[in-house]
N, C-alpha and C. Protein backbone atom coordinates (compact mmCIF):
# COMPACT_ATOMS: atom_id res chain seq x y z
N MET A 1 79.69 29.45 51.95
CA MET A 1 79.03 30.16 53.04
C MET A 1 79.12 31.66 52.77
N SER A 2 78.06 32.32 53.14
CA SER A 2 78.04 33.76 52.94
C SER A 2 78.69 34.47 54.13
N LEU A 3 78.84 35.76 53.96
CA LEU A 3 79.45 36.58 55.00
C LEU A 3 78.60 36.57 56.27
N VAL A 4 77.28 36.58 56.11
CA VAL A 4 76.38 36.57 57.27
C VAL A 4 76.52 35.25 58.03
N ASP A 5 76.64 34.15 57.31
CA ASP A 5 76.79 32.85 57.97
C ASP A 5 78.10 32.77 58.75
N HIS A 6 79.17 33.31 58.16
CA HIS A 6 80.45 33.33 58.88
C HIS A 6 80.36 34.18 60.15
N ALA A 7 79.68 35.33 60.05
CA ALA A 7 79.53 36.20 61.22
C ALA A 7 78.72 35.51 62.30
N LEU A 8 77.63 34.84 61.93
CA LEU A 8 76.80 34.14 62.92
C LEU A 8 77.56 32.99 63.57
N SER A 9 78.33 32.26 62.78
CA SER A 9 79.08 31.15 63.37
C SER A 9 80.19 31.67 64.28
N ALA A 10 80.77 32.82 63.93
CA ALA A 10 81.80 33.40 64.80
C ALA A 10 81.20 33.89 66.11
N ILE A 11 80.01 34.47 66.03
CA ILE A 11 79.36 34.97 67.25
C ILE A 11 78.96 33.82 68.15
N THR A 12 78.42 32.75 67.58
CA THR A 12 78.00 31.62 68.41
C THR A 12 79.19 30.85 68.97
N ALA A 13 80.36 30.98 68.33
CA ALA A 13 81.55 30.29 68.82
C ALA A 13 82.17 30.99 70.03
N ILE A 14 81.82 32.28 70.25
CA ILE A 14 82.36 33.01 71.40
C ILE A 14 81.73 32.46 72.67
N PRO A 15 82.54 32.07 73.62
CA PRO A 15 81.97 31.54 74.86
C PRO A 15 81.24 32.64 75.64
N ASN A 16 80.28 32.23 76.40
CA ASN A 16 79.50 33.17 77.21
C ASN A 16 80.36 33.62 78.39
N ILE A 17 80.88 34.83 78.29
CA ILE A 17 81.76 35.37 79.33
C ILE A 17 80.93 36.23 80.27
N HIS A 18 80.99 35.92 81.54
CA HIS A 18 80.25 36.68 82.53
C HIS A 18 81.25 37.27 83.53
N LEU A 19 81.40 38.58 83.50
CA LEU A 19 82.33 39.24 84.39
C LEU A 19 81.57 39.86 85.56
N ASP A 20 82.06 39.65 86.74
CA ASP A 20 81.47 40.25 87.93
C ASP A 20 82.14 41.60 88.17
N VAL A 21 81.35 42.65 88.08
CA VAL A 21 81.86 43.99 88.34
C VAL A 21 81.65 44.28 89.82
N PRO A 22 82.72 44.64 90.54
CA PRO A 22 82.56 44.87 91.98
C PRO A 22 81.73 46.13 92.25
N ASN A 23 80.96 46.08 93.31
CA ASN A 23 80.14 47.21 93.74
C ASN A 23 80.47 47.50 95.21
N PRO A 24 81.53 48.29 95.45
CA PRO A 24 81.94 48.52 96.84
C PRO A 24 80.95 49.40 97.59
N ALA A 25 80.93 49.24 98.88
CA ALA A 25 80.06 50.06 99.73
C ALA A 25 80.62 51.48 99.79
N PRO A 26 79.73 52.48 99.99
CA PRO A 26 80.23 53.86 100.08
C PRO A 26 81.10 54.05 101.31
N GLN A 27 82.13 54.88 101.14
CA GLN A 27 83.04 55.16 102.24
C GLN A 27 83.19 56.66 102.40
N ASP A 28 83.41 57.07 103.62
CA ASP A 28 83.66 58.49 103.91
C ASP A 28 85.06 58.85 103.45
N PRO A 29 85.19 59.77 102.46
CA PRO A 29 86.53 60.09 101.98
C PRO A 29 87.38 60.87 102.99
N THR A 30 86.73 61.45 103.99
CA THR A 30 87.47 62.23 104.98
C THR A 30 87.91 61.39 106.17
N SER A 31 87.50 60.14 106.22
CA SER A 31 87.81 59.23 107.33
C SER A 31 87.36 59.79 108.67
N GLY A 32 86.21 60.44 108.69
CA GLY A 32 85.66 60.97 109.92
C GLY A 32 86.37 62.20 110.45
N SER A 33 86.97 62.97 109.57
CA SER A 33 87.72 64.15 109.99
C SER A 33 86.79 65.22 110.56
N ASN A 34 87.15 65.74 111.72
CA ASN A 34 86.36 66.82 112.31
C ASN A 34 86.61 68.15 111.62
N GLY A 35 87.72 68.25 110.88
CA GLY A 35 88.04 69.49 110.18
C GLY A 35 87.01 69.84 109.11
N ILE A 36 86.52 68.83 108.40
CA ILE A 36 85.51 69.07 107.37
C ILE A 36 84.22 69.55 108.01
N SER A 37 83.82 68.95 109.10
CA SER A 37 82.61 69.40 109.80
C SER A 37 82.77 70.82 110.30
N LEU A 38 83.96 71.15 110.77
CA LEU A 38 84.23 72.51 111.24
C LEU A 38 84.12 73.51 110.09
N LEU A 39 84.70 73.18 108.93
CA LEU A 39 84.61 74.08 107.78
C LEU A 39 83.17 74.25 107.30
N LEU A 40 82.41 73.16 107.29
CA LEU A 40 81.00 73.27 106.90
C LEU A 40 80.22 74.12 107.89
N GLY A 41 80.54 73.99 109.18
CA GLY A 41 79.88 74.81 110.19
C GLY A 41 80.19 76.29 110.02
N TYR A 42 81.47 76.60 109.74
CA TYR A 42 81.84 78.00 109.49
C TYR A 42 81.13 78.54 108.26
N ALA A 43 81.05 77.74 107.20
CA ALA A 43 80.38 78.18 105.97
C ALA A 43 78.89 78.43 106.23
N LYS A 44 78.28 77.55 107.03
CA LYS A 44 76.86 77.70 107.35
C LYS A 44 76.61 79.01 108.09
N TRP A 45 77.36 79.25 109.14
CA TRP A 45 77.15 80.46 109.91
C TRP A 45 77.58 81.70 109.14
N GLY A 46 78.59 81.58 108.30
CA GLY A 46 79.00 82.71 107.47
C GLY A 46 77.91 83.12 106.49
N ALA A 47 77.25 82.12 105.89
CA ALA A 47 76.16 82.42 104.96
C ALA A 47 74.98 83.07 105.69
N LEU A 48 74.65 82.55 106.85
CA LEU A 48 73.52 83.13 107.60
C LEU A 48 73.84 84.55 108.08
N ILE A 49 75.07 84.80 108.49
CA ILE A 49 75.46 86.15 108.93
C ILE A 49 75.44 87.11 107.75
N ALA A 50 75.93 86.66 106.58
CA ALA A 50 75.92 87.53 105.39
C ALA A 50 74.50 87.88 104.98
N CYS A 51 73.59 86.93 105.07
CA CYS A 51 72.18 87.21 104.74
C CYS A 51 71.57 88.18 105.75
N ALA A 52 71.92 88.05 107.02
CA ALA A 52 71.39 88.97 108.03
C ALA A 52 71.92 90.38 107.81
N ILE A 53 73.19 90.51 107.48
CA ILE A 53 73.75 91.82 107.20
C ILE A 53 73.08 92.43 105.97
N ALA A 54 72.86 91.62 104.94
CA ALA A 54 72.19 92.12 103.73
C ALA A 54 70.77 92.58 104.03
N ALA A 55 70.06 91.87 104.92
CA ALA A 55 68.71 92.28 105.28
C ALA A 55 68.71 93.62 106.01
N VAL A 56 69.64 93.82 106.93
CA VAL A 56 69.71 95.08 107.67
C VAL A 56 70.09 96.23 106.74
N VAL A 57 71.06 96.00 105.86
CA VAL A 57 71.49 97.04 104.92
C VAL A 57 70.36 97.38 103.95
N SER A 58 69.62 96.39 103.50
CA SER A 58 68.52 96.67 102.57
C SER A 58 67.41 97.45 103.27
N GLY A 59 67.19 97.18 104.55
CA GLY A 59 66.23 98.00 105.30
C GLY A 59 66.67 99.45 105.40
N GLY A 60 67.97 99.64 105.62
CA GLY A 60 68.50 101.00 105.65
C GLY A 60 68.39 101.68 104.29
N LEU A 61 68.61 100.93 103.21
CA LEU A 61 68.49 101.49 101.87
C LEU A 61 67.05 101.90 101.58
N MET A 62 66.10 101.12 102.05
CA MET A 62 64.69 101.50 101.87
C MET A 62 64.37 102.77 102.65
N GLY A 63 64.88 102.87 103.87
CA GLY A 63 64.63 104.06 104.68
C GLY A 63 65.26 105.32 104.09
N VAL A 64 66.50 105.23 103.68
CA VAL A 64 67.19 106.38 103.08
C VAL A 64 66.53 106.77 101.77
N GLY A 65 66.14 105.78 100.98
CA GLY A 65 65.48 106.09 99.70
C GLY A 65 64.13 106.75 99.90
N ALA A 66 63.41 106.35 100.93
CA ALA A 66 62.10 106.96 101.19
C ALA A 66 62.27 108.38 101.71
N LEU A 67 63.27 108.60 102.57
CA LEU A 67 63.48 109.94 103.13
C LEU A 67 64.04 110.93 102.10
N SER A 68 64.84 110.45 101.17
CA SER A 68 65.45 111.34 100.18
C SER A 68 64.67 111.38 98.87
N ASN A 69 63.47 110.78 98.87
CA ASN A 69 62.58 110.79 97.71
C ASN A 69 63.26 110.16 96.49
N ARG A 70 63.82 108.99 96.70
CA ARG A 70 64.44 108.23 95.61
C ARG A 70 63.76 106.87 95.53
N PRO A 71 62.73 106.76 94.71
CA PRO A 71 61.98 105.50 94.64
C PRO A 71 62.82 104.34 94.09
N ASP A 72 63.83 104.62 93.27
CA ASP A 72 64.67 103.53 92.78
C ASP A 72 65.46 102.88 93.90
N SER A 73 65.89 103.67 94.88
CA SER A 73 66.60 103.10 96.03
C SER A 73 65.66 102.25 96.89
N VAL A 74 64.43 102.70 97.02
CA VAL A 74 63.45 101.92 97.79
C VAL A 74 63.21 100.58 97.10
N ASP A 75 63.08 100.60 95.77
CA ASP A 75 62.87 99.35 95.04
C ASP A 75 64.07 98.42 95.15
N LYS A 76 65.27 98.98 95.06
CA LYS A 76 66.48 98.15 95.23
C LYS A 76 66.54 97.55 96.63
N GLY A 77 66.15 98.34 97.63
CA GLY A 77 66.14 97.84 99.00
C GLY A 77 65.13 96.72 99.19
N LYS A 78 63.96 96.86 98.56
CA LYS A 78 62.94 95.80 98.66
C LYS A 78 63.43 94.51 98.01
N ARG A 79 64.02 94.64 96.82
CA ARG A 79 64.54 93.45 96.15
C ARG A 79 65.67 92.82 96.94
N ALA A 80 66.54 93.64 97.50
CA ALA A 80 67.65 93.11 98.31
C ALA A 80 67.13 92.40 99.55
N LEU A 81 66.08 92.96 100.16
CA LEU A 81 65.50 92.31 101.34
C LEU A 81 64.90 90.95 100.97
N LEU A 82 64.19 90.89 99.86
CA LEU A 82 63.61 89.61 99.44
C LEU A 82 64.70 88.59 99.12
N TRP A 83 65.76 89.02 98.44
CA TRP A 83 66.84 88.10 98.12
C TRP A 83 67.59 87.64 99.37
N SER A 84 67.76 88.53 100.33
CA SER A 84 68.45 88.11 101.56
C SER A 84 67.59 87.13 102.36
N LEU A 85 66.28 87.35 102.38
CA LEU A 85 65.41 86.39 103.05
C LEU A 85 65.38 85.06 102.30
N GLY A 86 65.44 85.13 100.96
CA GLY A 86 65.54 83.90 100.17
C GLY A 86 66.84 83.16 100.44
N GLY A 87 67.93 83.91 100.62
CA GLY A 87 69.21 83.29 100.96
C GLY A 87 69.17 82.59 102.31
N VAL A 88 68.50 83.21 103.27
CA VAL A 88 68.35 82.57 104.59
C VAL A 88 67.54 81.29 104.45
N LEU A 89 66.49 81.34 103.66
CA LEU A 89 65.64 80.15 103.47
C LEU A 89 66.43 79.03 102.80
N VAL A 90 67.19 79.36 101.75
CA VAL A 90 67.98 78.34 101.07
C VAL A 90 69.04 77.76 102.01
N SER A 91 69.71 78.61 102.78
CA SER A 91 70.72 78.12 103.72
C SER A 91 70.10 77.24 104.79
N ALA A 92 68.93 77.64 105.28
CA ALA A 92 68.27 76.87 106.33
C ALA A 92 67.78 75.52 105.81
N VAL A 93 67.33 75.46 104.57
CA VAL A 93 66.84 74.20 104.01
C VAL A 93 68.01 73.31 103.56
N ALA A 94 69.09 73.92 103.09
CA ALA A 94 70.22 73.14 102.59
C ALA A 94 70.92 72.36 103.69
N ILE A 95 70.96 72.90 104.87
CA ILE A 95 71.68 72.24 105.97
C ILE A 95 71.04 70.89 106.32
N PRO A 96 69.73 70.82 106.61
CA PRO A 96 69.15 69.49 106.89
C PRO A 96 69.14 68.58 105.67
N LEU A 97 69.03 69.17 104.46
CA LEU A 97 69.04 68.37 103.25
C LEU A 97 70.38 67.65 103.08
N VAL A 98 71.47 68.39 103.27
CA VAL A 98 72.80 67.78 103.16
C VAL A 98 73.00 66.74 104.26
N ASN A 99 72.55 67.03 105.47
CA ASN A 99 72.68 66.05 106.55
C ASN A 99 71.90 64.78 106.25
N THR A 100 70.72 64.92 105.65
CA THR A 100 69.91 63.75 105.31
C THR A 100 70.59 62.92 104.22
N VAL A 101 71.12 63.60 103.19
CA VAL A 101 71.76 62.89 102.10
C VAL A 101 73.01 62.17 102.60
N PHE A 102 73.85 62.87 103.38
CA PHE A 102 75.06 62.24 103.88
C PHE A 102 74.73 61.15 104.91
N GLY A 103 73.65 61.35 105.66
CA GLY A 103 73.25 60.33 106.64
C GLY A 103 72.73 59.06 105.96
N ALA A 104 72.07 59.23 104.79
CA ALA A 104 71.55 58.07 104.08
C ALA A 104 72.66 57.28 103.40
N ALA A 105 73.76 57.97 103.04
CA ALA A 105 74.86 57.29 102.36
C ALA A 105 75.71 56.47 103.34
N ALA A 106 75.66 56.81 104.59
CA ALA A 106 76.50 56.12 105.57
C ALA A 106 75.90 54.81 106.00
């Protein structure tokens, strides 16, 4: 018998083993802790407050730059305003997105 024949006979001699791999249902790792929800709420409002402060400061930077004839400050203020509004948009969209994802897993 050749090496290939020995290999084929060894493979066919192996019994068909079927192992059941468990697939447990998803579980909340926090066990319904209100502390996690509280921390997420603080983070949400902290991000929105930081974006609002950045928008007000960028408006002031645009005003000061325009009054003092510094076009680079006006441009920085415009970019900061756009980024702060983008941050508000991302924060506002992320909150329902996370709720939807976590709600679907439960």
